[in-house]
Amino acid sequence: MIHNIFKNIQPTSSQELTDVILHEENIHIERIVSYGIPTDKEFWYNQKNSEWVILLTGEAEIEFKDESLHQLKAGDYLFIPAHKEHRVNFCSKEPNCVWLAVHF
């Protein structure tokens, strides 16, 4: 069955929405729509698995706890090693940030 990554995206939301596309033992793939909502300034993601993420639409800024900043625009992708603390400082609202995240 064919699916479309851009289908059924709500035009607005007061919270980031995550849809699981695939979940297997060693891989987890999700579509994330950020709606202009960055990570809370007091929070750092610290994931047990590595993550490869691509920004499909919008613009965003990811910060690593070592203070390196990464500006992303549609089509840019980034590898985040396991336990590399990070957060999203900015994500555009128009267009919304749509991400494809692969956790492995």
C-alpha atoms as a PDB file:
ATOM      1  CA  MET A   1       0.000   0.000   0.000  1.00  0.00           C
ATOM      2  CA  ILE A   2       1.303   3.452  -0.946  1.00  0.00           C
ATOM      3  CA  HIS A   3       1.186   6.294   1.593  1.00  0.00           C
ATOM      4  CA  ASN A   4       2.089   9.989   1.323  1.00  0.00           C
ATOM      5  CA  ILE A   5       4.184  11.750   3.981  1.00  0.00           C
ATOM      6  CA  PHE A   6       2.245  15.029   3.475  1.00  0.00           C
ATOM      7  CA  LYS A   7      -1.265  13.544   3.659  1.00  0.00           C
ATOM      8  CA  ASN A   8      -3.528  14.258   6.650  1.00  0.00           C
ATOM      9  CA  ILE A   9      -1.422  17.022   8.184  1.00  0.00           C
ATOM     10  CA  GLN A  10      -3.563  19.317  10.328  1.00  0.00           C
ATOM     11  CA  PRO A  11      -3.080  22.954   9.224  1.00  0.00           C
ATOM     12  CA  THR A  12      -2.583  24.150  12.826  1.00  0.00           C
ATOM     13  CA  SER A  13      -2.073  22.711  16.292  1.00  0.00           C
ATOM     14  CA  SER A  14      -1.071  23.974  19.726  1.00  0.00           C
ATOM     15  CA  GLN A  15       1.351  21.064  20.096  1.00  0.00           C
ATOM     16  CA  GLU A  16       3.878  19.169  18.029  1.00  0.00           C
ATOM     17  CA  LEU A  17       2.356  16.051  16.465  1.00  0.00           C
ATOM     18  CA  THR A  18       4.176  12.771  15.841  1.00  0.00           C
ATOM     19  CA  ASP A  19       2.909   9.939  13.665  1.00  0.00           C
ATOM     20  CA  VAL A  20       4.657   6.563  13.732  1.00  0.00           C
ATOM     21  CA  ILE A  21       5.291   5.347  10.191  1.00  0.00           C
ATOM     22  CA  LEU A  22       7.201   2.182  11.056  1.00  0.00           C
ATOM     23  CA  HIS A  23       8.185   0.503  14.297  1.00  0.00           C
ATOM     24  CA  GLU A  24      10.335  -2.615  14.270  1.00  0.00           C
ATOM     25  CA  GLU A  25      12.833  -4.043  16.731  1.00  0.00           C
ATOM     26  CA  ASN A  26      15.840  -1.972  15.577  1.00  0.00           C
ATOM     27  CA  ILE A  27      14.230   0.929  13.721  1.00  0.00           C
ATOM     28  CA  HIS A  28      11.553   3.501  14.470  1.00  0.00           C
ATOM     29  CA  ILE A  29      10.446   5.977  11.769  1.00  0.00           C
ATOM     30  CA  GLU A  30       8.158   8.904  12.488  1.00  0.00           C
ATOM     31  CA  ARG A  31       6.728  11.989  10.823  1.00  0.00           C
ATOM     32  CA  ILE A  32       6.847  15.028  13.078  1.00  0.00           C
ATOM     33  CA  VAL A  33       4.983  18.292  12.451  1.00  0.00           C
ATOM     34  CA  SER A  34       6.259  21.093  14.699  1.00  0.00           C
ATOM     35  CA  TYR A  35       3.747  23.939  14.061  1.00  0.00           C
ATOM     36  CA  GLY A  36       6.327  26.570  15.023  1.00  0.00           C
ATOM     37  CA  ILE A  37       6.772  25.056  18.496  1.00  0.00           C
ATOM     38  CA  PRO A  38      10.440  24.783  19.582  1.00  0.00           C
ATOM     39  CA  THR A  39      11.783  22.635  22.417  1.00  0.00           C
ATOM     40  CA  ASP A  40      11.363  24.108  25.892  1.00  0.00           C
ATOM     41  CA  LYS A  41      14.524  26.111  26.740  1.00  0.00           C
ATOM     42  CA  GLU A  42      15.083  24.051  29.906  1.00  0.00           C
ATOM     43  CA  PHE A  43      14.887  20.675  28.116  1.00  0.00           C
ATOM     44  CA  TRP A  44      17.486  18.659  26.214  1.00  0.00           C
ATOM     45  CA  TYR A  45      16.646  15.510  24.275  1.00  0.00           C
ATOM     46  CA  ASN A  46      18.956  12.675  25.337  1.00  0.00           C
ATOM     47  CA  GLN A  47      17.894   9.657  23.302  1.00  0.00           C
ATOM     48  CA  LYS A  48      19.162   6.113  23.794  1.00  0.00           C
ATOM     49  CA  ASN A  49      19.178   5.517  20.024  1.00  0.00           C
ATOM     50  CA  SER A  50      20.860   7.347  17.176  1.00  0.00           C
ATOM     51  CA  GLU A  51      18.648   9.477  14.960  1.00  0.00           C
ATOM     52  CA  TRP A  52      18.807  10.565  11.340  1.00  0.00           C
ATOM     53  CA  VAL A  53      16.414  13.420  10.645  1.00  0.00           C
ATOM     54  CA  ILE A  54      15.508  15.290   7.466  1.00  0.00           C
ATOM     55  CA  LEU A  55      13.532  18.518   7.349  1.00  0.00           C
ATOM     56  CA  LEU A  56      11.002  18.103   4.529  1.00  0.00           C
ATOM     57  CA  THR A  57       9.375  21.560   4.754  1.00  0.00           C
ATOM     58  CA  GLY A  58      10.108  24.753   6.666  1.00  0.00           C
ATOM     59  CA  GLU A  59      13.207  26.060   8.414  1.00  0.00           C
ATOM     60  CA  ALA A  60      14.651  25.122  11.801  1.00  0.00           C
ATOM     61  CA  GLU A  61      17.617  25.458  14.115  1.00  0.00           C
ATOM     62  CA  ILE A  62      18.951  22.537  16.151  1.00  0.00           C
ATOM     63  CA  GLU A  63      21.342  23.178  19.027  1.00  0.00           C
ATOM     64  CA  PHE A  64      23.610  20.580  20.575  1.00  0.00           C
ATOM     65  CA  LYS A  65      24.482  20.963  24.250  1.00  0.00           C
ATOM     66  CA  ASP A  66      28.118  21.589  23.241  1.00  0.00           C
ATOM     67  CA  GLU A  67      26.665  24.861  21.860  1.00  0.00           C
ATOM     68  CA  SER A  68      26.999  24.033  18.164  1.00  0.00           C
ATOM     69  CA  LEU A  69      24.076  25.334  16.110  1.00  0.00           C
ATOM     70  CA  HIS A  70      22.740  23.862  12.892  1.00  0.00           C
ATOM     71  CA  GLN A  71      20.484  25.883  10.596  1.00  0.00           C
ATOM     72  CA  LEU A  72      18.271  23.630   8.483  1.00  0.00           C
ATOM     73  CA  LYS A  73      16.086  24.364   5.483  1.00  0.00           C
ATOM     74  CA  ALA A  74      13.858  22.013   3.509  1.00  0.00           C
ATOM     75  CA  GLY A  75      15.911  19.078   2.265  1.00  0.00           C
ATOM     76  CA  ASP A  76      18.658  19.345   4.893  1.00  0.00           C
ATOM     77  CA  TYR A  77      19.356  16.300   7.043  1.00  0.00           C
ATOM     78  CA  LEU A  78      21.366  15.669  10.172  1.00  0.00           C
ATOM     79  CA  PHE A  79      22.727  12.654  12.066  1.00  0.00           C
ATOM     80  CA  ILE A  80      22.337  12.791  15.852  1.00  0.00           C
ATOM     81  CA  PRO A  81      24.347  10.127  17.711  1.00  0.00           C
ATOM     82  CA  ALA A  82      22.775   8.338  20.674  1.00  0.00           C
ATOM     83  CA  HIS A  83      22.941  10.405  23.892  1.00  0.00           C
ATOM     84  CA  LYS A  84      23.999  13.573  22.026  1.00  0.00           C
ATOM     85  CA  GLU A  85      21.953  16.148  23.918  1.00  0.00           C
ATOM     86  CA  HIS A  86      20.062  18.482  21.609  1.00  0.00           C
ATOM     87  CA  ARG A  87      16.981  20.656  21.194  1.00  0.00           C
ATOM     88  CA  VAL A  88      15.128  22.590  18.520  1.00  0.00           C
ATOM     89  CA  ASN A  89      15.580  26.326  19.154  1.00  0.00           C
ATOM     90  CA  PHE A  90      13.454  27.490  16.229  1.00  0.00           C
ATOM     91  CA  CYS A  91      11.058  25.987  13.739  1.00  0.00           C
ATOM     92  CA  SER A  92       9.016  27.902  11.209  1.00  0.00           C
ATOM     93  CA  LYS A  93       5.248  28.090  11.399  1.00  0.00           C
ATOM     94  CA  GLU A  94       4.623  29.037   7.754  1.00  0.00           C
ATOM     95  CA  PRO A  95       5.415  26.702   6.280  1.00  0.00           C
ATOM     96  CA  ASN A  96       5.196  24.288   9.192  1.00  0.00           C
ATOM     97  CA  CYS A  97       8.237  22.144   9.831  1.00  0.00           C
ATOM     98  CA  VAL A  98       7.602  18.602   8.671  1.00  0.00           C
ATOM     99  CA  TRP A  99      10.328  16.176   9.687  1.00  0.00           C
ATOM    100  CA  LEU A 100      11.080  12.557   8.899  1.00  0.00           C
ATOM    101  CA  ALA A 101      12.969  11.013  11.824  1.00  0.00           C
ATOM    102  CA  VAL A 102      14.637   7.608  11.735  1.00  0.00           C
ATOM    103  CA  HIS A 103      15.684   6.213  15.124  1.00  0.00           C
ATOM    104  CA  PHE A 104      17.974   3.170  15.117  1.00  0.00           C
END
